[in-house]
Amino acid sequence: MSESQSRYSIVERLVKRKLEIMSSKSNLKEEVKKKEQKIGKLKKELENWKKDIQEDIKREERKKDLEIDKSKQEFENLQEQMKDKEKVLDEQIKAIEEALKSIEEISKTSLNIQS
């Protein structure tokens, strides 16, 4: 009877060990599967990040293009204003020169009259 108990306990230990090994094997497979899923998730996150970055770049490019267009328009407006202002200033200079000539003529005639 002790021999059968001994066999029974050996079988029991072996079955228990087999179950532990099977459980470890299953855990390894589960861990590998989780790592594989994590890789997939990280790849997807990278793709999304790249798309976000591309959209950010496009948005910034549009913003810079608008800034350039606005600056060009301001430049053109300023050039136009400068032309108008130069015309006014040239007219003022001409008027002053004419006034100076008139004063010079008056001075010449008044010198001749006094002499």
Protein backbone atom coordinates (compact mmCIF):
# COMPACT_ATOMS: atom_id res chain seq x y z
CA MET A 1 0.00 0.00 0.00
CA SER A 2 2.80 2.32 0.66
CA GLU A 3 4.08 1.61 -2.82
CA SER A 4 0.75 2.74 -4.35
CA GLN A 5 0.70 5.82 -2.17
CA SER A 6 4.22 6.56 -3.28
CA ARG A 7 3.21 6.19 -6.93
CA TYR A 8 0.13 8.26 -6.32
CA SER A 9 2.14 11.09 -4.73
CA ILE A 10 4.71 10.93 -7.58
CA VAL A 11 1.92 11.14 -10.18
CA GLU A 12 0.30 13.93 -8.22
CA ARG A 13 3.56 15.93 -8.10
CA LEU A 14 4.25 15.33 -11.77
CA VAL A 15 0.72 16.42 -12.74
CA LYS A 16 1.10 19.49 -10.53
CA ARG A 17 4.48 20.27 -12.12
CA LYS A 18 3.01 19.73 -15.58
CA LEU A 19 0.21 22.20 -14.80
CA GLU A 20 2.76 24.75 -13.52
CA ILE A 21 4.81 24.38 -16.71
CA MET A 22 1.70 24.69 -18.87
CA SER A 23 0.71 27.79 -16.94
CA SER A 24 4.19 29.30 -17.39
CA LYS A 25 4.04 28.50 -21.11
CA SER A 26 0.63 30.17 -21.36
CA ASN A 27 1.92 33.22 -19.48
CA LEU A 28 4.86 33.48 -21.88
CA LYS A 29 2.54 33.34 -24.87
CA GLU A 30 0.32 36.00 -23.29
CA GLU A 31 3.34 38.22 -22.60
CA VAL A 32 4.55 37.84 -26.18
CA LYS A 33 1.06 38.67 -27.46
CA LYS A 34 0.92 41.79 -25.25
CA LYS A 35 4.32 42.94 -26.53
CA GLU A 36 3.19 42.41 -30.11
CA GLN A 37 0.04 44.46 -29.43
CA LYS A 38 2.15 47.16 -27.80
CA ILE A 39 4.34 47.34 -30.93
CA GLY A 40 1.21 47.72 -33.07
CA LYS A 41 -0.10 50.44 -30.77
CA LEU A 42 3.23 52.29 -30.82
CA LYS A 43 3.38 52.08 -34.62
CA LYS A 44 -0.15 53.51 -34.83
CA GLU A 45 0.78 56.31 -32.42
CA LEU A 46 3.83 57.09 -34.57
CA GLU A 47 1.69 57.25 -37.71
CA ASN A 48 -0.79 59.56 -35.96
CA TRP A 49 2.06 61.72 -34.68
CA LYS A 50 3.51 62.00 -38.19
CA LYS A 51 0.11 63.01 -39.56
CA ASP A 52 -0.29 65.59 -36.79
CA ILE A 53 3.16 67.00 -37.51
CA GLN A 54 2.41 67.20 -41.24
CA GLU A 55 -0.84 69.03 -40.52
CA ASP A 56 0.99 71.39 -38.16
CA ILE A 57 3.60 72.06 -40.83
CA LYS A 58 0.90 72.76 -43.45
CA ARG A 59 -0.92 75.04 -41.02
CA GLU A 60 2.31 76.94 -40.21
CA GLU A 61 3.14 77.17 -43.91
CA ARG A 62 -0.29 78.65 -44.66
CA LYS A 63 0.18 81.07 -41.78
CA LYS A 64 3.59 82.15 -43.12
CA ASP A 65 2.20 82.50 -46.66
CA LEU A 66 -0.58 84.74 -45.33
CA GLU A 67 2.01 86.79 -43.44
CA ILE A 68 4.05 87.18 -46.63
CA ASP A 69 0.96 88.20 -48.61
CA LYS A 70 -0.01 90.72 -45.95
CA SER A 71 3.52 92.17 -45.90
CA LYS A 72 3.56 92.41 -49.70
CA GLN A 73 0.24 94.26 -49.63
CA GLU A 74 1.49 96.62 -46.92
CA PHE A 75 4.67 97.21 -48.97
CA GLU A 76 2.69 97.99 -52.12
CA ASN A 77 0.39 100.33 -50.17
CA LEU A 78 3.39 102.06 -48.62
CA GLN A 79 5.00 102.47 -52.04
CA GLU A 80 1.78 104.03 -53.35
CA GLN A 81 1.57 106.34 -50.33
CA MET A 82 5.22 107.28 -50.80
CA LYS A 83 4.59 108.24 -54.44
CA ASP A 84 1.61 110.38 -53.43
CA LYS A 85 3.55 111.99 -50.59
CA GLU A 86 6.58 112.63 -52.83
CA LYS A 87 4.28 114.33 -55.34
CA VAL A 88 2.87 116.59 -52.61
CA LEU A 89 6.36 117.33 -51.27
CA ASP A 90 7.67 118.06 -54.78
CA GLU A 91 4.77 120.48 -55.28
CA GLN A 92 5.60 122.16 -51.96
CA ILE A 93 9.27 122.44 -52.97
CA LYS A 94 8.24 123.93 -56.32
CA ALA A 95 5.96 126.43 -54.57
CA ILE A 96 8.77 127.45 -52.21
CA GLU A 97 11.20 127.82 -55.12
CA GLU A 98 8.69 129.99 -56.95
CA ALA A 99 8.20 132.08 -53.81
CA LEU A 100 11.98 132.48 -53.49
CA LYS A 101 12.24 133.54 -57.14
CA SER A 102 9.47 136.07 -56.60
CA ILE A 103 11.25 137.44 -53.54
CA GLU A 104 14.49 137.60 -55.52
CA GLU A 105 12.76 139.50 -58.36
CA ILE A 106 11.15 141.88 -55.88
CA SER A 107 14.52 142.43 -54.23
CA LYS A 108 16.16 143.19 -57.62
CA THR A 109 13.45 145.63 -58.63
CA SER A 110 13.44 147.37 -55.28
CA LEU A 111 17.26 147.73 -55.43
CA ASN A 112 16.95 149.29 -58.92
CA ILE A 113 14.21 151.63 -57.76
CA GLN A 114 16.26 152.80 -54.75
CA SER A 115 19.32 153.44 -56.91
